[in-house]
Amino acid sequence: MVLFGQSEGTVDGGIIQQCVRHGVCARGDTVTVIRNSVLSECGDRAVYAYHNATLCLEDSTIIVPSSTDGAPQLKKTSAIQVEALRSEVDRAHLRIRRCVLLKNSNLATGMGLSVAGNVECDLDGSVPVESSLSAQAQLLVPDD
């Protein structure tokens, strides 16, 4: 899913997987809502939002890629990355509600969540760890 410029997109009850670069890429004055969905086997990142993007993740599971996933891991990046680095013009927004970030094996690469620059964050902190994928699932976002 790609959103550039002034656009809006919603995924509700979807599965985004086996992506070479990003599962979702949002740049500019975009609004992206991912709800009741699973993002896995994404190459660089499950979600990459930058510049003035607004990203809302709700009731979804994001799985940090590992070297054993179907998609090639190109870089050691975060599963969710939100940036607003042009200080004069960027202001991104990130909202996470009732989501789970998982590592599906000890071979997982990268981190769970990365935020940089002028990003307004609204994180609910109630991130349960549940996984039928692996007994080694680990929470990557602190519960505080």
N, C-alpha and C. Protein backbone atom coordinates (compact mmCIF):
# COMPACT_ATOMS: atom_id res chain seq x y z
N MET A 1 0.85 -1.16 0.00
CA MET A 1 0.00 0.00 0.00
C MET A 1 0.90 1.23 0.00
N VAL A 2 0.69 2.14 -0.93
CA VAL A 2 1.51 3.34 -1.05
C VAL A 2 0.60 4.56 -1.08
N LEU A 3 0.90 5.54 -0.24
CA LEU A 3 0.15 6.80 -0.23
C LEU A 3 1.16 7.94 -0.29
N PHE A 4 1.04 8.80 -1.29
CA PHE A 4 1.91 9.96 -1.44
C PHE A 4 1.05 11.19 -1.63
N GLY A 5 1.61 12.36 -1.31
CA GLY A 5 0.90 13.61 -1.54
C GLY A 5 -0.21 13.81 -0.54
N GLN A 6 -1.38 14.16 -1.01
CA GLN A 6 -2.55 14.35 -0.16
C GLN A 6 -3.52 13.21 -0.42
N SER A 7 -3.42 12.17 0.40
CA SER A 7 -4.27 11.00 0.19
C SER A 7 -4.59 10.34 1.52
N GLU A 8 -5.61 9.49 1.49
CA GLU A 8 -6.04 8.73 2.66
C GLU A 8 -6.24 7.28 2.25
N GLY A 9 -5.93 6.37 3.17
CA GLY A 9 -6.13 4.96 2.91
C GLY A 9 -6.39 4.21 4.20
N THR A 10 -7.26 3.21 4.11
CA THR A 10 -7.60 2.38 5.27
C THR A 10 -7.53 0.91 4.89
N VAL A 11 -6.93 0.12 5.76
CA VAL A 11 -6.96 -1.33 5.65
C VAL A 11 -7.68 -1.82 6.90
N ASP A 12 -8.78 -2.53 6.73
CA ASP A 12 -9.55 -3.04 7.86
C ASP A 12 -9.75 -4.53 7.66
N GLY A 13 -9.18 -5.32 8.55
CA GLY A 13 -9.30 -6.77 8.46
C GLY A 13 -8.45 -7.37 7.36
N GLY A 14 -7.33 -6.74 7.07
CA GLY A 14 -6.49 -7.21 5.97
C GLY A 14 -5.23 -7.92 6.43
N ILE A 15 -4.57 -8.52 5.46
CA ILE A 15 -3.26 -9.14 5.66
C ILE A 15 -2.32 -8.52 4.64
N ILE A 16 -1.27 -7.91 5.13
CA ILE A 16 -0.25 -7.34 4.26
C ILE A 16 1.02 -8.15 4.51
N GLN A 17 1.47 -8.85 3.49
CA GLN A 17 2.63 -9.74 3.69
C GLN A 17 3.40 -9.93 2.40
N GLN A 18 4.59 -10.49 2.55
CA GLN A 18 5.48 -10.81 1.43
C GLN A 18 5.77 -9.59 0.56
N CYS A 19 6.07 -8.48 1.22
CA CYS A 19 6.42 -7.24 0.52
C CYS A 19 7.94 -7.14 0.44
N VAL A 20 8.45 -6.70 -0.69
CA VAL A 20 9.90 -6.62 -0.85
C VAL A 20 10.48 -5.47 -0.05
N ARG A 21 9.88 -4.28 -0.08
CA ARG A 21 10.43 -3.12 0.62
C ARG A 21 9.61 -2.78 1.88
N HIS A 22 8.41 -2.24 1.70
CA HIS A 22 7.56 -1.82 2.81
C HIS A 22 6.16 -2.40 2.59
N GLY A 23 5.52 -2.80 3.68
CA GLY A 23 4.13 -3.21 3.57
C GLY A 23 3.24 -2.02 3.30
N VAL A 24 3.50 -0.93 4.03
CA VAL A 24 2.78 0.33 3.85
C VAL A 24 3.81 1.44 3.82
N CYS A 25 3.71 2.33 2.82
CA CYS A 25 4.60 3.48 2.72
C CYS A 25 3.73 4.72 2.56
N ALA A 26 3.87 5.68 3.48
CA ALA A 26 3.06 6.90 3.44
C ALA A 26 3.97 8.12 3.57
N ARG A 27 3.83 9.05 2.60
CA ARG A 27 4.67 10.25 2.60
C ARG A 27 3.81 11.45 2.24
N GLY A 28 4.09 12.57 2.90
CA GLY A 28 3.36 13.79 2.59
C GLY A 28 2.18 13.96 3.52
N ASP A 29 1.17 14.64 3.06
CA ASP A 29 -0.02 14.91 3.86
C ASP A 29 -1.00 13.76 3.74
N THR A 30 -0.58 12.61 4.22
CA THR A 30 -1.39 11.39 4.09
C THR A 30 -1.98 11.01 5.44
N VAL A 31 -3.07 10.27 5.39
CA VAL A 31 -3.68 9.68 6.57
C VAL A 31 -3.84 8.19 6.28
N THR A 32 -3.18 7.38 7.09
CA THR A 32 -3.22 5.93 6.92
C THR A 32 -3.78 5.29 8.17
N VAL A 33 -4.81 4.46 8.02
CA VAL A 33 -5.41 3.74 9.13
C VAL A 33 -5.29 2.25 8.83
N ILE A 34 -4.69 1.52 9.77
CA ILE A 34 -4.60 0.07 9.66
C ILE A 34 -5.28 -0.49 10.90
N ARG A 35 -6.34 -1.25 10.68
CA ARG A 35 -7.19 -1.72 11.78
C ARG A 35 -7.47 -3.21 11.59
N ASN A 36 -7.41 -3.96 12.70
CA ASN A 36 -7.76 -5.39 12.68
C ASN A 36 -7.00 -6.14 11.59
N SER A 37 -5.71 -5.87 11.47
CA SER A 37 -4.94 -6.43 10.36
C SER A 37 -3.65 -7.07 10.86
N VAL A 38 -3.00 -7.80 9.97
CA VAL A 38 -1.71 -8.43 10.25
C VAL A 38 -0.72 -7.98 9.18
N LEU A 39 0.45 -7.55 9.61
CA LEU A 39 1.53 -7.18 8.69
C LEU A 39 2.71 -8.08 8.99
N SER A 40 3.15 -8.83 7.99
CA SER A 40 4.27 -9.75 8.23
C SER A 40 5.04 -9.98 6.93
N GLU A 41 6.24 -10.52 7.07
CA GLU A 41 7.10 -10.88 5.94
C GLU A 41 7.36 -9.69 5.03
N CYS A 42 7.52 -8.49 5.62
CA CYS A 42 7.83 -7.30 4.84
C CYS A 42 9.35 -7.11 4.85
N GLY A 43 9.92 -6.75 3.71
CA GLY A 43 11.37 -6.67 3.56
C GLY A 43 12.04 -5.71 4.50
N ASP A 44 11.95 -4.40 4.23
CA ASP A 44 12.60 -3.40 5.09
C ASP A 44 11.75 -3.08 6.31
N ARG A 45 10.51 -2.74 6.09
CA ARG A 45 9.63 -2.31 7.18
C ARG A 45 8.20 -2.78 6.90
N ALA A 46 7.46 -3.00 7.96
CA ALA A 46 6.02 -3.26 7.79
C ALA A 46 5.33 -1.94 7.44
N VAL A 47 5.71 -0.85 8.16
CA VAL A 47 5.12 0.47 7.91
C VAL A 47 6.22 1.52 7.96
N TYR A 48 6.24 2.37 6.94
CA TYR A 48 7.16 3.51 6.90
C TYR A 48 6.33 4.75 6.59
N ALA A 49 6.25 5.69 7.54
CA ALA A 49 5.49 6.92 7.37
C ALA A 49 6.42 8.09 7.65
N TYR A 50 6.42 9.09 6.76
CA TYR A 50 7.35 10.21 6.96
C TYR A 50 6.81 11.49 6.36
N HIS A 51 7.54 12.56 6.62
CA HIS A 51 7.19 13.95 6.32
C HIS A 51 5.97 14.32 7.17
N ASN A 52 4.82 14.57 6.60
CA ASN A 52 3.64 15.01 7.36
C ASN A 52 2.59 13.91 7.49
N ALA A 53 3.01 12.68 7.44
CA ALA A 53 2.07 11.56 7.45
C ALA A 53 1.42 11.39 8.82
N THR A 54 0.17 10.94 8.80
CA THR A 54 -0.55 10.53 10.00
C THR A 54 -0.77 9.03 9.89
N LEU A 55 -0.34 8.29 10.90
CA LEU A 55 -0.46 6.84 10.91
C LEU A 55 -1.22 6.40 12.15
N CYS A 56 -2.30 5.64 11.95
CA CYS A 56 -3.10 5.10 13.04
C CYS A 56 -3.10 3.57 12.91
N LEU A 57 -2.59 2.90 13.93
CA LEU A 57 -2.60 1.45 13.97
C LEU A 57 -3.51 1.03 15.12
N GLU A 58 -4.50 0.19 14.83
CA GLU A 58 -5.46 -0.22 15.84
C GLU A 58 -5.72 -1.72 15.74
N ASP A 59 -5.68 -2.39 16.89
CA ASP A 59 -6.06 -3.81 16.98
C ASP A 59 -5.38 -4.67 15.92
N SER A 60 -4.10 -4.43 15.70
CA SER A 60 -3.38 -5.14 14.64
C SER A 60 -2.12 -5.81 15.20
N THR A 61 -1.59 -6.75 14.43
CA THR A 61 -0.36 -7.45 14.78
C THR A 61 0.69 -7.15 13.73
N ILE A 62 1.85 -6.70 14.17
CA ILE A 62 2.96 -6.40 13.28
C ILE A 62 4.11 -7.31 13.69
N ILE A 63 4.61 -8.08 12.74
CA ILE A 63 5.64 -9.06 13.03
C ILE A 63 6.97 -8.58 12.45
N VAL A 64 7.97 -8.45 13.34
CA VAL A 64 9.30 -8.01 12.91
C VAL A 64 9.89 -9.08 12.02
N PRO A 65 10.40 -8.71 10.85
CA PRO A 65 10.94 -9.70 9.92
C PRO A 65 12.14 -10.44 10.49
N SER A 66 12.33 -11.65 10.02
CA SER A 66 13.52 -12.41 10.36
C SER A 66 14.15 -12.90 9.07
N SER A 67 15.35 -13.40 9.17
CA SER A 67 16.04 -13.87 7.97
C SER A 67 15.42 -15.14 7.41
N THR A 68 14.44 -15.70 8.11
CA THR A 68 13.78 -16.91 7.61
C THR A 68 12.43 -16.61 6.97
N ASP A 69 11.98 -15.34 7.00
CA ASP A 69 10.70 -14.98 6.38
C ASP A 69 10.79 -15.08 4.87
N GLY A 70 9.63 -15.06 4.22
CA GLY A 70 9.59 -15.15 2.77
C GLY A 70 10.19 -13.97 2.04
N ALA A 71 10.06 -12.76 2.59
CA ALA A 71 10.59 -11.57 1.92
C ALA A 71 12.05 -11.37 2.31
N PRO A 72 12.86 -10.89 1.40
CA PRO A 72 14.26 -10.64 1.74
C PRO A 72 14.39 -9.46 2.69
N GLN A 73 15.22 -9.60 3.72
CA GLN A 73 15.48 -8.50 4.64
C GLN A 73 16.60 -7.67 4.06
N LEU A 74 16.27 -6.46 3.60
CA LEU A 74 17.25 -5.63 2.94
C LEU A 74 18.10 -4.84 3.92
N LYS A 75 17.51 -4.39 5.01
CA LYS A 75 18.22 -3.57 6.00
C LYS A 75 17.76 -3.98 7.39
N LYS A 76 18.56 -3.63 8.38
CA LYS A 76 18.12 -3.81 9.76
C LYS A 76 17.38 -2.55 10.18
N THR A 77 16.12 -2.47 9.86
CA THR A 77 15.28 -1.32 10.17
C THR A 77 14.18 -1.73 11.12
N SER A 78 13.41 -0.77 11.57
CA SER A 78 12.31 -1.05 12.47
C SER A 78 11.10 -1.55 11.70
N ALA A 79 10.29 -2.36 12.35
CA ALA A 79 9.06 -2.83 11.72
C ALA A 79 8.12 -1.65 11.44
N ILE A 80 8.06 -0.71 12.40
CA ILE A 80 7.28 0.51 12.22
C ILE A 80 8.24 1.69 12.36
N GLN A 81 8.32 2.52 11.34
CA GLN A 81 9.22 3.67 11.38
C GLN A 81 8.45 4.92 10.96
N VAL A 82 8.47 5.93 11.83
CA VAL A 82 7.79 7.19 11.57
C VAL A 82 8.80 8.31 11.76
N GLU A 83 8.93 9.18 10.74
CA GLU A 83 9.93 10.25 10.77
C GLU A 83 9.34 11.56 10.26
N ALA A 84 9.80 12.65 10.85
CA ALA A 84 9.50 14.00 10.37
C ALA A 84 10.79 14.80 10.59
N LEU A 85 11.72 14.68 9.67
CA LEU A 85 13.08 15.17 9.87
C LEU A 85 13.35 16.56 9.35
N ARG A 86 12.50 17.07 8.46
CA ARG A 86 12.69 18.44 7.96
C ARG A 86 12.04 19.39 8.97
N SER A 87 12.84 19.92 9.88
CA SER A 87 12.32 20.62 11.06
C SER A 87 11.39 21.78 10.75
N GLU A 88 11.61 22.47 9.68
CA GLU A 88 10.78 23.64 9.37
C GLU A 88 9.40 23.27 8.82
N VAL A 89 9.27 22.12 8.18
CA VAL A 89 8.03 21.83 7.46
C VAL A 89 7.34 20.53 7.86
N ASP A 90 8.01 19.64 8.55
CA ASP A 90 7.42 18.33 8.85
C ASP A 90 6.80 18.27 10.24
N ARG A 91 5.67 17.57 10.30
CA ARG A 91 5.04 17.22 11.58
C ARG A 91 4.20 15.98 11.33
N ALA A 92 4.72 14.85 11.75
CA ALA A 92 4.02 13.58 11.57
C ALA A 92 3.25 13.22 12.85
N HIS A 93 2.30 12.30 12.69
CA HIS A 93 1.47 11.87 13.82
C HIS A 93 1.42 10.34 13.83
N LEU A 94 1.57 9.78 15.03
CA LEU A 94 1.51 8.33 15.20
C LEU A 94 0.56 8.02 16.34
N ARG A 95 -0.40 7.14 16.06
CA ARG A 95 -1.33 6.68 17.08
C ARG A 95 -1.37 5.17 17.04
N ILE A 96 -1.13 4.54 18.18
CA ILE A 96 -1.18 3.08 18.27
C ILE A 96 -2.14 2.69 19.39
N ARG A 97 -3.11 1.83 19.04
CA ARG A 97 -4.10 1.35 19.99
C ARG A 97 -4.21 -0.17 19.91
N ARG A 98 -3.99 -0.83 21.04
CA ARG A 98 -4.21 -2.29 21.18
C ARG A 98 -3.52 -3.09 20.08
N CYS A 99 -2.27 -2.80 19.83
CA CYS A 99 -1.51 -3.53 18.82
C CYS A 99 -0.45 -4.41 19.46
N VAL A 100 -0.01 -5.40 18.72
CA VAL A 100 1.03 -6.30 19.18
C VAL A 100 2.18 -6.25 18.18
N LEU A 101 3.38 -6.05 18.70
CA LEU A 101 4.59 -6.15 17.89
C LEU A 101 5.31 -7.42 18.31
N LEU A 102 5.58 -8.29 17.36
CA LEU A 102 6.16 -9.59 17.68
C LEU A 102 7.46 -9.83 16.93
N LYS A 103 8.35 -10.56 17.59
CA LYS A 103 9.47 -11.19 16.89
C LYS A 103 9.05 -12.64 16.70
N ASN A 104 9.14 -13.15 15.48
CA ASN A 104 8.66 -14.52 15.27
C ASN A 104 9.77 -15.56 15.43
N SER A 105 11.00 -15.10 15.72
CA SER A 105 12.08 -16.04 16.01
C SER A 105 13.25 -15.28 16.58
N ASN A 106 14.24 -15.99 17.08
CA ASN A 106 15.45 -15.34 17.56
C ASN A 106 16.27 -14.77 16.42
N LEU A 107 15.90 -15.07 15.19
CA LEU A 107 16.62 -14.56 14.02
C LEU A 107 16.05 -13.23 13.55
N ALA A 108 15.05 -12.69 14.27
CA ALA A 108 14.44 -11.42 13.85
C ALA A 108 15.49 -10.33 13.81
N THR A 109 15.40 -9.49 12.80
CA THR A 109 16.35 -8.41 12.63
C THR A 109 15.66 -7.07 12.88
N GLY A 110 16.42 -6.06 13.22
CA GLY A 110 15.85 -4.74 13.42
C GLY A 110 15.11 -4.62 14.73
N MET A 111 14.38 -3.51 14.87
CA MET A 111 13.65 -3.20 16.09
C MET A 111 12.16 -3.20 15.79
N GLY A 112 11.37 -2.95 16.81
CA GLY A 112 9.94 -2.91 16.63
C GLY A 112 9.43 -1.56 16.17
N LEU A 113 9.79 -0.48 16.90
CA LEU A 113 9.25 0.84 16.63
C LEU A 113 10.37 1.86 16.67
N SER A 114 10.40 2.73 15.66
CA SER A 114 11.38 3.81 15.59
C SER A 114 10.66 5.10 15.23
N VAL A 115 10.90 6.14 16.03
CA VAL A 115 10.31 7.45 15.80
C VAL A 115 11.43 8.47 15.82
N ALA A 116 11.47 9.37 14.83
CA ALA A 116 12.53 10.38 14.77
C ALA A 116 11.97 11.71 14.29
N GLY A 117 12.49 12.79 14.87
CA GLY A 117 12.11 14.12 14.44
C GLY A 117 10.84 14.62 15.11
N ASN A 118 10.09 15.44 14.41
CA ASN A 118 8.92 16.11 14.92
C ASN A 118 7.67 15.23 14.74
N VAL A 119 7.57 14.20 15.59
CA VAL A 119 6.47 13.24 15.50
C VAL A 119 5.66 13.30 16.79
N GLU A 120 4.38 13.56 16.66
CA GLU A 120 3.48 13.54 17.80
C GLU A 120 3.00 12.11 18.01
N CYS A 121 3.28 11.55 19.19
CA CYS A 121 2.95 10.15 19.46
C CYS A 121 1.81 10.03 20.47
N ASP A 122 0.90 9.11 20.19
CA ASP A 122 -0.21 8.80 21.08
C ASP A 122 -0.26 7.27 21.17
N LEU A 123 0.43 6.73 22.18
CA LEU A 123 0.53 5.29 22.35
C LEU A 123 -0.26 4.89 23.58
N ASP A 124 -1.11 3.86 23.44
CA ASP A 124 -1.98 3.51 24.56
C ASP A 124 -1.28 2.70 25.64
N GLY A 125 -0.18 2.04 25.35
CA GLY A 125 0.56 1.31 26.37
C GLY A 125 -0.01 -0.04 26.74
N SER A 126 -1.18 -0.40 26.23
CA SER A 126 -1.76 -1.71 26.55
C SER A 126 -1.53 -2.65 25.39
N VAL A 127 -0.31 -3.17 25.31
CA VAL A 127 0.08 -4.00 24.19
C VAL A 127 0.23 -5.43 24.68
N PRO A 128 -0.76 -6.29 24.45
CA PRO A 128 -0.65 -7.67 24.92
C PRO A 128 0.32 -8.48 24.07
N VAL A 129 0.92 -9.48 24.68
CA VAL A 129 1.80 -10.37 23.93
C VAL A 129 1.06 -11.68 23.74
N GLU A 130 0.61 -11.92 22.53
CA GLU A 130 -0.08 -13.16 22.21
C GLU A 130 0.40 -13.60 20.84
N SER A 131 0.71 -14.86 20.69
CA SER A 131 1.16 -15.31 19.38
C SER A 131 0.93 -16.79 19.21
N SER A 132 0.30 -17.14 18.12
CA SER A 132 0.21 -18.55 17.77
C SER A 132 1.35 -18.89 16.81
N LEU A 133 2.16 -17.89 16.44
CA LEU A 133 3.24 -18.11 15.48
C LEU A 133 4.46 -18.74 16.12
N SER A 134 4.73 -18.40 17.39
CA SER A 134 5.96 -18.89 17.99
C SER A 134 5.88 -18.75 19.50
N ALA A 135 6.43 -19.70 20.18
CA ALA A 135 6.52 -19.60 21.63
C ALA A 135 7.57 -18.57 22.04
N GLN A 136 8.39 -18.12 21.10
CA GLN A 136 9.46 -17.17 21.40
C GLN A 136 9.05 -15.74 21.12
N ALA A 137 7.76 -15.46 20.98
CA ALA A 137 7.32 -14.09 20.70
C ALA A 137 7.75 -13.16 21.82
N GLN A 138 8.21 -11.99 21.47
CA GLN A 138 8.67 -11.03 22.46
C GLN A 138 8.02 -9.68 22.20
N LEU A 139 7.65 -9.01 23.27
CA LEU A 139 7.10 -7.67 23.17
C LEU A 139 8.24 -6.69 22.88
N LEU A 140 8.04 -5.83 21.89
CA LEU A 140 9.06 -4.88 21.53
C LEU A 140 8.72 -3.46 21.92
N VAL A 141 7.49 -3.20 22.34
CA VAL A 141 7.10 -1.89 22.82
C VAL A 141 6.81 -2.02 24.31
N PRO A 142 7.48 -1.24 25.18
CA PRO A 142 7.26 -1.38 26.62
C PRO A 142 5.83 -1.11 27.01
N ASP A 143 5.40 -1.74 28.08
CA ASP A 143 4.04 -1.62 28.60
C ASP A 143 3.95 -0.54 29.68
N ASP A 144 4.60 0.60 29.46
CA ASP A 144 4.49 1.68 30.45
C ASP A 144 4.23 3.00 29.81
